[in-house]
Amino acid sequence: MPAPVFRTATPVDVPALVTLVTSAYRGESSRSGWTTEADLLDGARIDPDVLAHDIVRADSRVVVIDGDDGRPLACAHVAIEDGVGYFGMFAVDPTLQGRGTGDALLRECERIARDEWRLPGMRMTVIDVRDALIAFYVRRGYRRTGVHKPFPYGDTRFGNPRRDDLRFEVLEKTFGVTP
């Protein structure tokens, strides 16, 4: 597989990125990959207005890998929050998961935070019952902090929970650079 080419999303990408992110996490199509949240949540995974804001706001970048046909195959959001990088909205087309695309995208987002923005580390939040996903990040140098944040129950922009015990755990990785 050739090295992926990364680009920064623009507002015109919003519909295709919403489709990609939804396909990676929700509904039956997500079950062909390993990142599915279909048993945890229904409905939206990303709100188009939130995504559009993330694309244009300062200290924020949505990184995309396109296929040969120009369709986005993977994306992630990296931003500066509270003096460190924040990583989120990580999605890879379910039919391509497990082939290194996600690893490459995560490394690129870490490179942006560490080398371009000179940040000391990266944080993310993961639904704490997502054991396989947390293990994926732990293998890549992230550590569980034990810090939890509530799931936004009642805010349908982020989905309709199928369980009443969802919450996020903060994961973090230190880069060893000084700001």
N, C-alpha and C. Protein backbone atom coordinates (compact mmCIF):
# COMPACT_ATOMS: atom_id res chain seq x y z
N MET A 1 0.85 -1.18 0.00
CA MET A 1 0.00 0.00 0.00
C MET A 1 0.90 1.24 0.00
N PRO A 2 0.69 2.17 -0.94
CA PRO A 2 1.51 3.39 -0.99
C PRO A 2 1.23 4.26 0.24
N ALA A 3 2.20 5.10 0.57
CA ALA A 3 2.04 6.01 1.71
C ALA A 3 0.85 6.94 1.45
N PRO A 4 0.03 7.15 2.46
CA PRO A 4 -1.14 8.01 2.24
C PRO A 4 -0.74 9.47 2.04
N VAL A 5 -1.56 10.17 1.31
CA VAL A 5 -1.40 11.60 1.11
C VAL A 5 -2.43 12.29 2.00
N PHE A 6 -1.98 13.20 2.82
CA PHE A 6 -2.86 13.90 3.76
C PHE A 6 -3.21 15.27 3.19
N ARG A 7 -4.42 15.69 3.49
CA ARG A 7 -4.82 17.05 3.14
C ARG A 7 -5.70 17.59 4.25
N THR A 8 -5.88 18.89 4.25
CA THR A 8 -6.74 19.55 5.23
C THR A 8 -8.13 19.72 4.62
N ALA A 9 -9.14 19.35 5.38
CA ALA A 9 -10.52 19.47 4.91
C ALA A 9 -10.91 20.93 4.72
N THR A 10 -11.86 21.12 3.83
CA THR A 10 -12.47 22.44 3.60
C THR A 10 -13.98 22.29 3.82
N PRO A 11 -14.69 23.41 3.91
CA PRO A 11 -16.14 23.32 4.14
C PRO A 11 -16.89 22.47 3.13
N VAL A 12 -16.40 22.37 1.91
CA VAL A 12 -17.08 21.57 0.90
C VAL A 12 -17.05 20.08 1.24
N ASP A 13 -16.14 19.67 2.10
CA ASP A 13 -16.00 18.27 2.50
C ASP A 13 -17.03 17.81 3.53
N VAL A 14 -17.75 18.71 4.15
CA VAL A 14 -18.61 18.36 5.27
C VAL A 14 -19.55 17.19 4.96
N PRO A 15 -20.35 17.21 3.88
CA PRO A 15 -21.26 16.08 3.65
C PRO A 15 -20.55 14.73 3.52
N ALA A 16 -19.45 14.69 2.78
CA ALA A 16 -18.73 13.42 2.60
C ALA A 16 -18.10 12.95 3.91
N LEU A 17 -17.62 13.87 4.73
CA LEU A 17 -17.01 13.48 6.00
C LEU A 17 -18.06 13.00 6.99
N VAL A 18 -19.23 13.63 7.00
CA VAL A 18 -20.33 13.14 7.86
C VAL A 18 -20.68 11.72 7.47
N THR A 19 -20.77 11.45 6.18
CA THR A 19 -21.07 10.10 5.69
C THR A 19 -19.99 9.11 6.12
N LEU A 20 -18.72 9.49 5.95
CA LEU A 20 -17.61 8.61 6.33
C LEU A 20 -17.64 8.30 7.83
N VAL A 21 -17.74 9.34 8.65
CA VAL A 21 -17.71 9.14 10.10
C VAL A 21 -18.89 8.29 10.55
N THR A 22 -20.06 8.54 10.01
CA THR A 22 -21.24 7.75 10.35
C THR A 22 -21.05 6.30 9.95
N SER A 23 -20.49 6.05 8.76
CA SER A 23 -20.31 4.67 8.29
C SER A 23 -19.31 3.90 9.15
N ALA A 24 -18.36 4.60 9.77
CA ALA A 24 -17.35 3.94 10.58
C ALA A 24 -17.87 3.58 11.97
N TYR A 25 -18.92 4.24 12.44
CA TYR A 25 -19.36 4.06 13.82
C TYR A 25 -20.80 3.61 14.01
N ARG A 26 -21.68 3.93 13.09
CA ARG A 26 -23.10 3.70 13.32
C ARG A 26 -23.71 2.86 12.22
N GLY A 27 -24.75 2.14 12.57
CA GLY A 27 -25.52 1.37 11.60
C GLY A 27 -24.82 0.10 11.16
N GLU A 28 -25.50 -0.62 10.29
CA GLU A 28 -25.00 -1.92 9.83
C GLU A 28 -23.68 -1.82 9.08
N SER A 29 -23.49 -0.74 8.30
CA SER A 29 -22.23 -0.64 7.54
C SER A 29 -21.02 -0.61 8.46
N SER A 30 -21.18 -0.07 9.66
CA SER A 30 -20.06 0.03 10.60
C SER A 30 -19.63 -1.34 11.12
N ARG A 31 -20.51 -2.32 11.03
CA ARG A 31 -20.19 -3.65 11.57
C ARG A 31 -19.14 -4.39 10.74
N SER A 32 -18.85 -3.91 9.52
CA SER A 32 -17.80 -4.55 8.73
C SER A 32 -16.41 -4.14 9.20
N GLY A 33 -16.32 -3.15 10.05
CA GLY A 33 -15.06 -2.74 10.66
C GLY A 33 -15.07 -3.07 12.14
N TRP A 34 -14.01 -2.73 12.85
CA TRP A 34 -13.94 -3.06 14.27
C TRP A 34 -14.24 -1.87 15.17
N THR A 35 -14.46 -0.68 14.60
CA THR A 35 -14.70 0.52 15.41
C THR A 35 -16.17 0.81 15.66
N THR A 36 -17.03 -0.08 15.29
CA THR A 36 -18.47 0.18 15.38
C THR A 36 -18.91 0.54 16.81
N GLU A 37 -19.86 1.45 16.87
CA GLU A 37 -20.55 1.77 18.11
C GLU A 37 -22.03 1.40 17.99
N ALA A 38 -22.35 0.58 16.98
CA ALA A 38 -23.74 0.28 16.67
C ALA A 38 -24.50 -0.35 17.83
N ASP A 39 -23.81 -1.06 18.71
CA ASP A 39 -24.49 -1.65 19.87
C ASP A 39 -24.63 -0.66 21.02
N LEU A 40 -23.95 0.47 20.92
CA LEU A 40 -23.97 1.47 21.99
C LEU A 40 -24.85 2.67 21.68
N LEU A 41 -24.86 3.07 20.39
CA LEU A 41 -25.53 4.31 20.00
C LEU A 41 -26.17 4.16 18.63
N ASP A 42 -27.26 4.86 18.44
CA ASP A 42 -27.89 5.03 17.14
C ASP A 42 -27.78 6.51 16.77
N GLY A 43 -28.18 6.82 15.54
CA GLY A 43 -28.26 8.23 15.15
C GLY A 43 -26.92 8.80 14.72
N ALA A 44 -26.83 10.12 14.83
CA ALA A 44 -25.67 10.87 14.34
C ALA A 44 -24.41 10.54 15.12
N ARG A 45 -23.26 10.60 14.46
CA ARG A 45 -21.97 10.48 15.14
C ARG A 45 -21.27 11.84 15.17
N ILE A 46 -21.55 12.66 14.14
CA ILE A 46 -20.98 14.01 14.09
C ILE A 46 -22.03 14.96 13.52
N ASP A 47 -22.15 16.09 14.14
CA ASP A 47 -23.09 17.11 13.68
C ASP A 47 -22.43 17.93 12.57
N PRO A 48 -23.09 18.12 11.42
CA PRO A 48 -22.48 18.86 10.32
C PRO A 48 -22.06 20.28 10.71
N ASP A 49 -22.83 20.94 11.56
CA ASP A 49 -22.47 22.30 11.97
C ASP A 49 -21.23 22.31 12.86
N VAL A 50 -21.13 21.34 13.75
CA VAL A 50 -19.94 21.23 14.60
C VAL A 50 -18.71 20.96 13.73
N LEU A 51 -18.85 20.04 12.77
CA LEU A 51 -17.75 19.74 11.86
C LEU A 51 -17.35 20.96 11.05
N ALA A 52 -18.31 21.67 10.51
CA ALA A 52 -18.01 22.87 9.71
C ALA A 52 -17.26 23.90 10.55
N HIS A 53 -17.65 24.04 11.81
CA HIS A 53 -16.95 24.97 12.71
C HIS A 53 -15.52 24.50 12.96
N ASP A 54 -15.32 23.20 13.19
CA ASP A 54 -13.98 22.67 13.45
C ASP A 54 -13.06 22.86 12.24
N ILE A 55 -13.61 22.82 11.04
CA ILE A 55 -12.82 22.97 9.82
C ILE A 55 -12.26 24.39 9.70
N VAL A 56 -13.03 25.39 10.13
CA VAL A 56 -12.61 26.78 9.90
C VAL A 56 -12.05 27.48 11.13
N ARG A 57 -12.22 26.93 12.32
CA ARG A 57 -11.76 27.66 13.50
C ARG A 57 -10.24 27.62 13.63
N ALA A 58 -9.72 28.60 14.33
CA ALA A 58 -8.28 28.69 14.57
C ALA A 58 -7.84 27.52 15.45
N ASP A 59 -6.56 27.15 15.34
CA ASP A 59 -5.97 26.09 16.16
C ASP A 59 -6.72 24.77 16.02
N SER A 60 -7.17 24.47 14.81
CA SER A 60 -7.96 23.27 14.55
C SER A 60 -7.68 22.83 13.11
N ARG A 61 -7.60 21.52 12.92
CA ARG A 61 -7.41 21.00 11.57
C ARG A 61 -8.11 19.65 11.45
N VAL A 62 -8.85 19.47 10.38
CA VAL A 62 -9.44 18.18 10.06
C VAL A 62 -8.58 17.62 8.93
N VAL A 63 -7.93 16.49 9.22
CA VAL A 63 -7.00 15.87 8.28
C VAL A 63 -7.73 14.74 7.56
N VAL A 64 -7.53 14.66 6.24
CA VAL A 64 -8.26 13.71 5.40
C VAL A 64 -7.28 12.91 4.55
N ILE A 65 -7.60 11.64 4.35
CA ILE A 65 -6.94 10.80 3.35
C ILE A 65 -8.01 10.43 2.34
N ASP A 66 -7.76 10.74 1.07
CA ASP A 66 -8.71 10.44 0.01
C ASP A 66 -8.32 9.16 -0.73
N GLY A 67 -9.34 8.51 -1.31
CA GLY A 67 -9.10 7.38 -2.19
C GLY A 67 -8.76 7.86 -3.58
N ASP A 68 -8.46 6.94 -4.45
CA ASP A 68 -8.14 7.28 -5.84
C ASP A 68 -9.29 7.98 -6.53
N ASP A 69 -10.51 7.73 -6.07
CA ASP A 69 -11.69 8.35 -6.67
C ASP A 69 -12.01 9.72 -6.06
N GLY A 70 -11.16 10.19 -5.13
CA GLY A 70 -11.38 11.49 -4.51
C GLY A 70 -12.30 11.46 -3.30
N ARG A 71 -12.85 10.29 -3.01
CA ARG A 71 -13.75 10.14 -1.85
C ARG A 71 -12.92 9.99 -0.59
N PRO A 72 -13.29 10.70 0.50
CA PRO A 72 -12.54 10.53 1.74
C PRO A 72 -12.62 9.10 2.27
N LEU A 73 -11.45 8.53 2.61
CA LEU A 73 -11.37 7.19 3.16
C LEU A 73 -11.10 7.20 4.66
N ALA A 74 -10.53 8.30 5.15
CA ALA A 74 -10.21 8.42 6.57
C ALA A 74 -10.12 9.89 6.93
N CYS A 75 -10.41 10.19 8.19
CA CYS A 75 -10.31 11.57 8.66
C CYS A 75 -10.12 11.58 10.17
N ALA A 76 -9.61 12.70 10.66
CA ALA A 76 -9.47 12.92 12.10
C ALA A 76 -9.38 14.41 12.34
N HIS A 77 -9.77 14.81 13.52
CA HIS A 77 -9.70 16.21 13.93
C HIS A 77 -8.61 16.35 14.96
N VAL A 78 -7.74 17.31 14.77
CA VAL A 78 -6.71 17.65 15.76
C VAL A 78 -6.83 19.15 16.03
N ALA A 79 -6.74 19.51 17.31
CA ALA A 79 -6.90 20.91 17.70
C ALA A 79 -6.05 21.19 18.92
N ILE A 80 -5.87 22.46 19.20
CA ILE A 80 -5.19 22.87 20.42
C ILE A 80 -6.27 23.16 21.46
N GLU A 81 -6.21 22.46 22.58
CA GLU A 81 -7.14 22.67 23.68
C GLU A 81 -6.38 22.60 24.99
N ASP A 82 -6.46 23.64 25.77
CA ASP A 82 -5.82 23.68 27.09
C ASP A 82 -4.33 23.39 27.03
N GLY A 83 -3.66 23.89 25.99
CA GLY A 83 -2.22 23.78 25.89
C GLY A 83 -1.67 22.46 25.39
N VAL A 84 -2.54 21.54 24.98
CA VAL A 84 -2.12 20.27 24.40
C VAL A 84 -2.96 20.00 23.16
N GLY A 85 -2.54 18.99 22.41
CA GLY A 85 -3.34 18.59 21.26
C GLY A 85 -4.57 17.83 21.72
N TYR A 86 -5.66 17.99 20.97
CA TYR A 86 -6.85 17.17 21.20
C TYR A 86 -7.11 16.41 19.91
N PHE A 87 -7.31 15.10 20.02
CA PHE A 87 -7.53 14.22 18.87
C PHE A 87 -8.94 13.66 18.94
N GLY A 88 -9.67 13.77 17.85
CA GLY A 88 -11.03 13.24 17.83
C GLY A 88 -11.53 13.03 16.42
N MET A 89 -12.79 12.63 16.32
CA MET A 89 -13.47 12.38 15.05
C MET A 89 -12.65 11.48 14.14
N PHE A 90 -12.00 10.50 14.70
CA PHE A 90 -11.12 9.58 14.00
C PHE A 90 -11.99 8.53 13.31
N ALA A 91 -11.92 8.48 12.00
CA ALA A 91 -12.74 7.53 11.26
C ALA A 91 -11.99 7.00 10.04
N VAL A 92 -12.10 5.70 9.84
CA VAL A 92 -11.56 5.04 8.66
C VAL A 92 -12.69 4.23 8.05
N ASP A 93 -12.83 4.29 6.75
CA ASP A 93 -13.84 3.49 6.05
C ASP A 93 -13.79 2.07 6.61
N PRO A 94 -14.94 1.53 7.05
CA PRO A 94 -14.94 0.20 7.70
C PRO A 94 -14.33 -0.90 6.84
N THR A 95 -14.42 -0.81 5.53
CA THR A 95 -13.88 -1.85 4.66
C THR A 95 -12.36 -1.77 4.56
N LEU A 96 -11.75 -0.69 5.06
CA LEU A 96 -10.30 -0.51 5.00
C LEU A 96 -9.62 -0.60 6.36
N GLN A 97 -10.40 -0.82 7.41
CA GLN A 97 -9.82 -0.85 8.74
C GLN A 97 -8.89 -2.06 8.89
N GLY A 98 -7.86 -1.87 9.72
CA GLY A 98 -6.91 -2.94 9.96
C GLY A 98 -5.80 -3.03 8.93
N ARG A 99 -5.65 -2.01 8.10
CA ARG A 99 -4.63 -2.03 7.05
C ARG A 99 -3.55 -0.97 7.23
N GLY A 100 -3.56 -0.27 8.36
CA GLY A 100 -2.53 0.73 8.63
C GLY A 100 -2.93 2.16 8.31
N THR A 101 -4.08 2.36 7.70
CA THR A 101 -4.52 3.70 7.36
C THR A 101 -4.72 4.54 8.63
N GLY A 102 -5.37 3.97 9.62
CA GLY A 102 -5.61 4.68 10.86
C GLY A 102 -4.32 5.00 11.60
N ASP A 103 -3.39 4.04 11.61
CA ASP A 103 -2.09 4.30 12.24
C ASP A 103 -1.40 5.50 11.59
N ALA A 104 -1.40 5.52 10.27
CA ALA A 104 -0.75 6.62 9.55
C ALA A 104 -1.43 7.96 9.86
N LEU A 105 -2.73 7.95 9.93
CA LEU A 105 -3.48 9.18 10.21
C LEU A 105 -3.22 9.66 11.64
N LEU A 106 -3.21 8.75 12.59
CA LEU A 106 -2.92 9.13 13.97
C LEU A 106 -1.51 9.71 14.07
N ARG A 107 -0.54 9.09 13.43
CA ARG A 107 0.84 9.60 13.46
C ARG A 107 0.92 11.00 12.85
N GLU A 108 0.17 11.23 11.77
CA GLU A 108 0.18 12.56 11.14
C GLU A 108 -0.42 13.60 12.08
N CYS A 109 -1.49 13.27 12.75
CA CYS A 109 -2.08 14.22 13.70
C CYS A 109 -1.14 14.48 14.87
N GLU A 110 -0.45 13.45 15.33
CA GLU A 110 0.55 13.65 16.39
C GLU A 110 1.68 14.53 15.89
N ARG A 111 2.11 14.34 14.65
CA ARG A 111 3.17 15.16 14.06
C ARG A 111 2.76 16.63 14.02
N ILE A 112 1.52 16.89 13.63
CA ILE A 112 1.03 18.27 13.58
C ILE A 112 1.09 18.89 14.98
N ALA A 113 0.57 18.18 15.96
CA ALA A 113 0.54 18.71 17.33
C ALA A 113 1.95 18.90 17.88
N ARG A 114 2.82 17.94 17.66
CA ARG A 114 4.17 17.96 18.23
C ARG A 114 5.11 18.89 17.46
N ASP A 115 5.16 18.73 16.13
CA ASP A 115 6.18 19.42 15.34
C ASP A 115 5.73 20.79 14.83
N GLU A 116 4.48 20.91 14.40
CA GLU A 116 4.02 22.20 13.90
C GLU A 116 3.56 23.12 15.02
N TRP A 117 2.81 22.58 15.94
CA TRP A 117 2.25 23.40 17.02
C TRP A 117 3.12 23.38 18.28
N ARG A 118 4.15 22.51 18.32
CA ARG A 118 5.09 22.42 19.44
C ARG A 118 4.39 22.17 20.77
N LEU A 119 3.41 21.27 20.75
CA LEU A 119 2.65 20.95 21.95
C LEU A 119 3.30 19.78 22.68
N PRO A 120 3.16 19.72 24.01
CA PRO A 120 3.81 18.68 24.78
C PRO A 120 3.12 17.32 24.76
N GLY A 121 1.90 17.26 24.24
CA GLY A 121 1.20 15.98 24.23
C GLY A 121 -0.14 16.06 23.55
N MET A 122 -0.85 14.94 23.58
CA MET A 122 -2.15 14.81 22.94
C MET A 122 -3.11 14.17 23.93
N ARG A 123 -4.37 14.62 23.89
CA ARG A 123 -5.45 14.03 24.68
C ARG A 123 -6.59 13.65 23.77
N MET A 124 -7.39 12.75 24.27
CA MET A 124 -8.62 12.37 23.57
C MET A 124 -9.59 11.84 24.61
N THR A 125 -10.84 11.72 24.21
CA THR A 125 -11.83 11.06 25.05
C THR A 125 -12.38 9.88 24.28
N VAL A 126 -12.54 8.76 24.98
CA VAL A 126 -13.05 7.52 24.39
C VAL A 126 -14.13 6.98 25.31
N ILE A 127 -15.21 6.49 24.75
CA ILE A 127 -16.24 5.86 25.57
C ILE A 127 -15.58 4.71 26.32
N ASP A 128 -15.67 4.72 27.64
CA ASP A 128 -14.82 3.83 28.45
C ASP A 128 -15.18 2.35 28.37
N VAL A 129 -16.29 1.99 27.75
CA VAL A 129 -16.60 0.57 27.55
C VAL A 129 -16.05 0.05 26.21
N ARG A 130 -15.36 0.91 25.48
CA ARG A 130 -14.77 0.53 24.19
C ARG A 130 -13.38 -0.07 24.40
N ASP A 131 -13.32 -1.25 24.99
CA ASP A 131 -12.06 -1.87 25.39
C ASP A 131 -11.09 -2.06 24.22
N ALA A 132 -11.56 -2.53 23.08
CA ALA A 132 -10.66 -2.76 21.95
C ALA A 132 -10.08 -1.45 21.43
N LEU A 133 -10.89 -0.41 21.41
CA LEU A 133 -10.41 0.89 20.94
C LEU A 133 -9.40 1.48 21.93
N ILE A 134 -9.69 1.38 23.20
CA ILE A 134 -8.74 1.87 24.21
C ILE A 134 -7.43 1.10 24.10
N ALA A 135 -7.50 -0.21 23.91
CA ALA A 135 -6.29 -1.02 23.75
C ALA A 135 -5.49 -0.58 22.52
N PHE A 136 -6.17 -0.23 21.44
CA PHE A 136 -5.52 0.29 20.23
C PHE A 136 -4.67 1.51 20.58
N TYR A 137 -5.25 2.45 21.32
CA TYR A 137 -4.52 3.66 21.69
C TYR A 137 -3.40 3.38 22.70
N VAL A 138 -3.63 2.50 23.63
CA VAL A 138 -2.60 2.15 24.62
C VAL A 138 -1.38 1.56 23.90
N ARG A 139 -1.61 0.73 22.90
CA ARG A 139 -0.49 0.16 22.13
C ARG A 139 0.29 1.23 21.38
N ARG A 140 -0.29 2.39 21.20
CA ARG A 140 0.35 3.49 20.49
C ARG A 140 0.86 4.58 21.45
N GLY A 141 0.98 4.22 22.72
CA GLY A 141 1.61 5.11 23.68
C GLY A 141 0.69 5.98 24.51
N TYR A 142 -0.61 5.83 24.35
CA TYR A 142 -1.55 6.61 25.17
C TYR A 142 -1.77 5.88 26.49
N ARG A 143 -2.07 6.64 27.51
CA ARG A 143 -2.34 6.03 28.81
C ARG A 143 -3.72 6.46 29.29
N ARG A 144 -4.34 5.55 29.99
CA ARG A 144 -5.63 5.84 30.62
C ARG A 144 -5.36 6.74 31.82
N THR A 145 -6.11 7.81 31.95
CA THR A 145 -5.88 8.75 33.04
C THR A 145 -6.76 8.48 34.24
N GLY A 146 -7.86 7.75 34.04
CA GLY A 146 -8.83 7.56 35.11
C GLY A 146 -9.76 8.75 35.25
N VAL A 147 -9.57 9.78 34.44
CA VAL A 147 -10.45 10.95 34.44
C VAL A 147 -11.62 10.65 33.51
N HIS A 148 -12.82 10.81 34.03
CA HIS A 148 -14.02 10.53 33.24
C HIS A 148 -14.83 11.80 33.03
N LYS A 149 -15.51 11.83 31.90
CA LYS A 149 -16.41 12.94 31.56
C LYS A 149 -17.76 12.34 31.20
N PRO A 150 -18.82 13.06 31.50
CA PRO A 150 -20.15 12.51 31.21
C PRO A 150 -20.43 12.44 29.71
N PHE A 151 -21.21 11.45 29.33
CA PHE A 151 -21.71 11.37 27.96
C PHE A 151 -22.83 12.41 27.82
N PRO A 152 -22.93 13.09 26.67
CA PRO A 152 -23.96 14.13 26.52
C PRO A 152 -25.36 13.55 26.24
N TYR A 153 -25.90 12.84 27.23
CA TYR A 153 -27.25 12.30 27.08
C TYR A 153 -28.21 13.44 26.79
N GLY A 154 -29.12 13.18 25.86
CA GLY A 154 -30.13 14.18 25.50
C GLY A 154 -29.71 15.10 24.38
N ASP A 155 -28.44 15.09 23.99
CA ASP A 155 -27.97 15.92 22.88
C ASP A 155 -27.85 15.02 21.66
N THR A 156 -28.90 15.00 20.85
CA THR A 156 -28.96 14.07 19.71
C THR A 156 -27.95 14.38 18.62
N ARG A 157 -27.23 15.51 18.72
CA ARG A 157 -26.16 15.78 17.75
C ARG A 157 -25.07 14.72 17.83
N PHE A 158 -24.99 14.02 18.96
CA PHE A 158 -23.93 13.05 19.18
C PHE A 158 -24.46 11.63 19.32
N GLY A 159 -25.72 11.43 18.94
CA GLY A 159 -26.28 10.10 18.92
C GLY A 159 -27.33 9.86 19.97
N ASN A 160 -27.99 8.74 19.80
CA ASN A 160 -29.03 8.30 20.72
C ASN A 160 -28.53 7.05 21.43
N PRO A 161 -28.17 7.18 22.70
CA PRO A 161 -27.61 6.05 23.44
C PRO A 161 -28.58 4.88 23.55
N ARG A 162 -28.03 3.68 23.44
CA ARG A 162 -28.80 2.46 23.63
C ARG A 162 -28.58 1.90 25.03
N ARG A 163 -27.71 2.57 25.81
CA ARG A 163 -27.39 2.16 27.18
C ARG A 163 -27.37 3.41 28.06
N ASP A 164 -27.53 3.19 29.35
CA ASP A 164 -27.54 4.33 30.26
C ASP A 164 -26.26 4.45 31.09
N ASP A 165 -25.20 3.72 30.70
CA ASP A 165 -23.96 3.72 31.48
C ASP A 165 -22.77 4.27 30.69
N LEU A 166 -23.02 5.06 29.66
CA LEU A 166 -21.93 5.56 28.83
C LEU A 166 -21.27 6.78 29.47
N ARG A 167 -19.96 6.82 29.38
CA ARG A 167 -19.19 7.98 29.80
C ARG A 167 -17.87 7.92 29.04
N PHE A 168 -17.16 9.02 29.05
CA PHE A 168 -15.87 9.10 28.37
C PHE A 168 -14.74 8.98 29.38
N GLU A 169 -13.63 8.40 28.93
CA GLU A 169 -12.40 8.44 29.71
C GLU A 169 -11.38 9.24 28.91
N VAL A 170 -10.60 10.06 29.59
CA VAL A 170 -9.55 10.83 28.96
C VAL A 170 -8.30 9.95 28.84
N LEU A 171 -7.76 9.87 27.62
CA LEU A 171 -6.49 9.21 27.36
C LEU A 171 -5.49 10.30 26.98
N GLU A 172 -4.22 10.10 27.31
CA GLU A 172 -3.23 11.11 26.94
C GLU A 172 -1.89 10.47 26.62
N LYS A 173 -1.12 11.21 25.85
CA LYS A 173 0.23 10.80 25.45
C LYS A 173 1.12 12.03 25.55
N THR A 174 2.28 11.84 26.14
CA THR A 174 3.25 12.94 26.25
C THR A 174 4.28 12.80 25.14
N PHE A 175 4.59 13.92 24.48
CA PHE A 175 5.56 13.90 23.39
C PHE A 175 6.99 14.18 23.86
N GLY A 176 7.12 14.85 24.98
CA GLY A 176 8.45 15.17 25.48
C GLY A 176 9.06 16.41 24.84
N VAL A 177 8.21 17.29 24.27
CA VAL A 177 8.69 18.58 23.77
C VAL A 177 8.18 19.66 24.69
N THR A 178 8.90 20.77 24.73
CA THR A 178 8.43 21.88 25.54
C THR A 178 7.75 22.90 24.66
N PRO A 179 6.66 23.46 25.15
CA PRO A 179 5.93 24.43 24.33
C PRO A 179 6.71 25.71 24.10
